[in-house]
Amino acid sequence: MMSILPFMCAAFVFAFSGCFWQAQVKPSEKPLNVIVTPVDAAALKSGGKIAFTPLKAGPQTSADEQSDRVSLMIIKGIANRLAQGGTSLIVAAPEDEPNLVFQGYIEELLQNSRLKRLVLRRDKGRLAISGEIWLSSTGAKVLTFAGYAHLGDFKDVFQAAGALGEALGYEIAAQTKP
């Protein structure tokens, strides 16, 4: 009787030969991207107090403890960047009667499991946000934003959220410089 071991080894090598390749982000895609569009530049440059509301879960995201923590990491990144100075905005609590209010959504929080990354060659996932800043007195939009981060370029989703918040804070600060 012929030994089945060589056949099993060949089948194993054939089945798992491509499973250990690293998933690569396409060269045309950036690991982190933020787009800020001012709607009322004069109101934004006038500065004042800005209050942050936690980002809400969008239609493709579940509202759970992880999305709440991601939301807070994004807000922390924005607040840290604005607190570094060079902007006419002051971070305030909602009860301090702010001039501007930040409101946003976590549009996508997709994390692929380790098995999907190895077998299907997918990357770690993606975090995408969108939202706006509006005047608290009139409710008029002052600025809209959108951004994403590829999770494969960061240690975990929380580090990606912090980096996305920092990048968004930098862009907001750039729009508010006098």
Protein backbone atom coordinates (compact mmCIF):
# COMPACT_ATOMS: atom_id res chain seq x y z
CA MET A 1 0.00 0.00 0.00
CA MET A 2 1.27 3.40 -0.96
CA SER A 3 2.07 5.91 1.75
CA ILE A 4 -0.44 8.73 2.07
CA LEU A 5 2.03 11.07 3.79
CA PRO A 6 3.49 12.64 0.59
CA PHE A 7 -0.03 13.27 -0.71
CA MET A 8 -1.09 14.89 2.58
CA CYS A 9 2.02 17.10 2.63
CA ALA A 10 1.44 18.23 -0.95
CA ALA A 11 -2.23 18.99 -0.19
CA PHE A 12 -1.26 20.94 2.93
CA VAL A 13 1.34 23.01 1.07
CA PHE A 14 -1.09 23.69 -1.79
CA ALA A 15 -3.98 24.68 0.51
CA PHE A 16 -2.00 26.99 2.79
CA SER A 17 0.66 28.35 0.45
CA GLY A 18 -0.99 31.77 0.10
CA CYS A 19 -2.40 32.06 3.60
CA PHE A 20 0.61 33.63 5.22
CA TRP A 21 1.04 36.61 2.91
CA GLN A 22 0.62 40.00 4.53
CA ALA A 23 -2.38 42.00 3.37
CA GLN A 24 -1.11 45.19 1.77
CA VAL A 25 -2.82 48.57 1.59
CA LYS A 26 -2.95 49.68 -2.00
CA PRO A 27 -0.20 52.21 -2.73
CA SER A 28 -2.80 54.70 -3.97
CA GLU A 29 -4.59 54.71 -0.61
CA LYS A 30 -3.27 56.65 2.35
CA PRO A 31 -3.35 54.99 5.78
CA LEU A 32 -5.09 58.08 7.19
CA ASN A 33 -7.09 60.75 5.40
CA VAL A 34 -9.17 63.70 6.64
CA ILE A 35 -11.19 66.12 4.52
CA VAL A 36 -12.47 69.35 6.09
CA THR A 37 -14.82 71.66 4.19
CA PRO A 38 -15.55 75.08 5.70
CA VAL A 39 -19.12 76.26 5.10
CA ASP A 40 -18.93 79.57 6.99
CA ALA A 41 -15.24 80.46 7.31
CA ALA A 42 -15.92 83.82 9.03
CA ALA A 43 -17.91 82.20 11.85
CA LEU A 44 -15.25 79.55 12.25
CA LYS A 45 -12.37 82.07 12.37
CA SER A 46 -14.20 84.17 14.97
CA GLY A 47 -13.45 81.32 17.36
CA GLY A 48 -14.87 81.04 20.82
CA LYS A 49 -15.79 77.97 22.82
CA ILE A 50 -16.37 74.61 21.17
CA ALA A 51 -18.16 71.70 22.83
CA PHE A 52 -17.86 68.09 21.72
CA THR A 53 -20.65 65.54 21.68
CA PRO A 54 -19.63 61.87 21.46
CA LEU A 55 -19.68 60.47 17.95
CA LYS A 56 -22.77 58.34 17.37
CA ALA A 57 -22.75 54.96 15.68
CA GLY A 58 -23.69 55.19 12.00
CA PRO A 59 -25.75 52.70 10.00
CA GLN A 60 -22.83 50.28 9.45
CA THR A 61 -21.60 50.38 13.03
CA SER A 62 -22.99 48.76 16.15
CA ALA A 63 -23.54 50.98 19.17
CA ASP A 64 -21.52 49.19 21.83
CA GLU A 65 -18.76 49.82 24.35
CA GLN A 66 -16.04 49.62 21.70
CA SER A 67 -17.63 52.30 19.49
CA ASP A 68 -18.10 54.51 22.57
CA ARG A 69 -14.42 54.16 23.43
CA VAL A 70 -13.39 54.83 19.81
CA SER A 71 -15.57 57.96 19.87
CA LEU A 72 -13.88 59.22 23.01
CA MET A 73 -10.40 58.54 21.59
CA ILE A 74 -11.26 60.60 18.49
CA ILE A 75 -12.54 63.48 20.62
CA LYS A 76 -9.46 63.26 22.87
CA GLY A 77 -7.21 63.51 19.80
CA ILE A 78 -9.07 66.58 18.52
CA ALA A 79 -9.09 68.27 21.92
CA ASN A 80 -5.37 67.61 22.44
CA ARG A 81 -4.53 69.14 19.07
CA LEU A 82 -6.72 72.20 19.66
CA ALA A 83 -5.27 72.67 23.16
CA GLN A 84 -1.74 72.89 21.73
CA GLY A 85 -2.54 76.42 20.63
CA GLY A 86 -2.43 78.32 17.39
CA THR A 87 -6.20 78.37 17.12
CA SER A 88 -9.00 80.68 18.17
CA LEU A 89 -11.05 77.80 19.62
CA ILE A 90 -11.27 76.93 23.30
CA VAL A 91 -12.48 73.46 24.31
CA ALA A 92 -15.49 73.78 26.64
CA ALA A 93 -18.14 71.61 28.23
CA PRO A 94 -21.69 71.70 26.79
CA GLU A 95 -22.98 73.43 29.96
CA ASP A 96 -20.52 76.34 29.44
CA GLU A 97 -22.69 77.81 26.64
CA PRO A 98 -20.31 77.18 23.71
CA ASN A 99 -20.42 79.11 20.44
CA LEU A 100 -19.76 75.99 18.36
CA VAL A 101 -20.83 72.36 18.72
CA PHE A 102 -19.02 69.36 17.25
CA GLN A 103 -21.24 66.47 16.20
CA GLY A 104 -20.22 63.38 14.24
CA TYR A 105 -20.81 59.77 13.34
CA ILE A 106 -18.70 56.65 13.18
CA GLU A 107 -19.70 55.59 9.68
CA GLU A 108 -17.66 52.42 9.56
CA LEU A 109 -15.82 50.37 12.14
CA LEU A 110 -14.79 47.20 10.37
CA GLN A 111 -12.33 44.86 12.01
CA ASN A 112 -11.44 41.65 10.21
CA SER A 113 -10.61 38.62 12.31
CA ARG A 114 -7.15 37.11 12.25
CA LEU A 115 -8.47 34.12 10.29
CA LYS A 116 -9.94 36.37 7.56
CA ARG A 117 -6.70 38.32 7.36
CA LEU A 118 -4.62 35.15 6.94
CA VAL A 119 -6.90 33.06 4.74
CA LEU A 120 -8.66 35.72 2.66
CA ARG A 121 -5.72 38.16 2.59
CA ARG A 122 -7.75 41.07 3.87
CA ASP A 123 -6.25 43.90 5.90
CA LYS A 124 -7.16 44.59 9.53
CA GLY A 125 -10.12 46.81 8.69
CA ARG A 126 -11.14 50.42 8.47
CA LEU A 127 -12.46 53.23 10.65
CA ALA A 128 -14.45 56.00 8.93
CA ILE A 129 -16.08 59.10 10.44
CA SER A 130 -18.08 62.09 9.26
CA GLY A 131 -19.83 65.04 10.85
CA GLU A 132 -20.08 68.77 11.24
CA ILE A 133 -19.48 71.73 13.48
CA TRP A 134 -22.40 74.11 13.83
CA LEU A 135 -23.26 77.36 15.60
CA SER A 136 -25.10 76.72 18.83
CA SER A 137 -27.10 79.96 18.54
CA THR A 138 -28.58 79.40 15.06
CA GLY A 139 -27.86 75.75 14.26
CA ALA A 140 -26.15 76.76 11.00
CA LYS A 141 -23.32 74.54 9.73
CA VAL A 142 -19.89 76.07 9.97
CA LEU A 143 -17.73 73.13 8.86
CA THR A 144 -18.19 69.57 7.60
CA PHE A 145 -15.63 66.79 7.85
CA ALA A 146 -14.98 63.21 6.84
CA GLY A 147 -12.04 60.92 7.43
CA TYR A 148 -10.84 57.35 7.52
CA ALA A 149 -7.98 55.26 8.85
CA HIS A 150 -6.81 51.83 7.71
CA LEU A 151 -6.39 49.79 10.88
CA GLY A 152 -3.51 47.73 9.49
CA ASP A 153 -1.19 50.69 9.94
CA PHE A 154 -1.86 50.99 13.68
CA LYS A 155 -1.40 48.81 16.76
CA ASP A 156 -5.15 48.68 17.40
CA VAL A 157 -8.40 50.49 16.63
CA PHE A 158 -7.95 52.87 19.56
CA GLN A 159 -4.54 54.05 18.35
CA ALA A 160 -6.08 54.59 14.90
CA ALA A 161 -8.94 56.57 16.48
CA GLY A 162 -6.50 58.79 18.36
CA ALA A 163 -4.45 59.43 15.21
CA LEU A 164 -7.62 60.19 13.24
CA GLY A 165 -8.69 62.64 15.96
CA GLU A 166 -5.27 64.32 15.93
CA ALA A 167 -5.39 64.70 12.14
CA LEU A 168 -8.92 66.11 12.29
CA GLY A 169 -7.91 68.48 15.09
CA TYR A 170 -4.97 69.68 13.00
CA GLU A 171 -7.25 70.39 10.03
CA ILE A 172 -9.82 72.21 12.21
CA ALA A 173 -7.03 74.29 13.79
CA ALA A 174 -5.72 75.17 10.32
CA GLN A 175 -9.17 76.49 9.37
CA THR A 176 -9.46 78.64 12.51
CA LYS A 177 -6.09 80.39 12.45
CA PRO A 178 -6.62 84.15 12.48
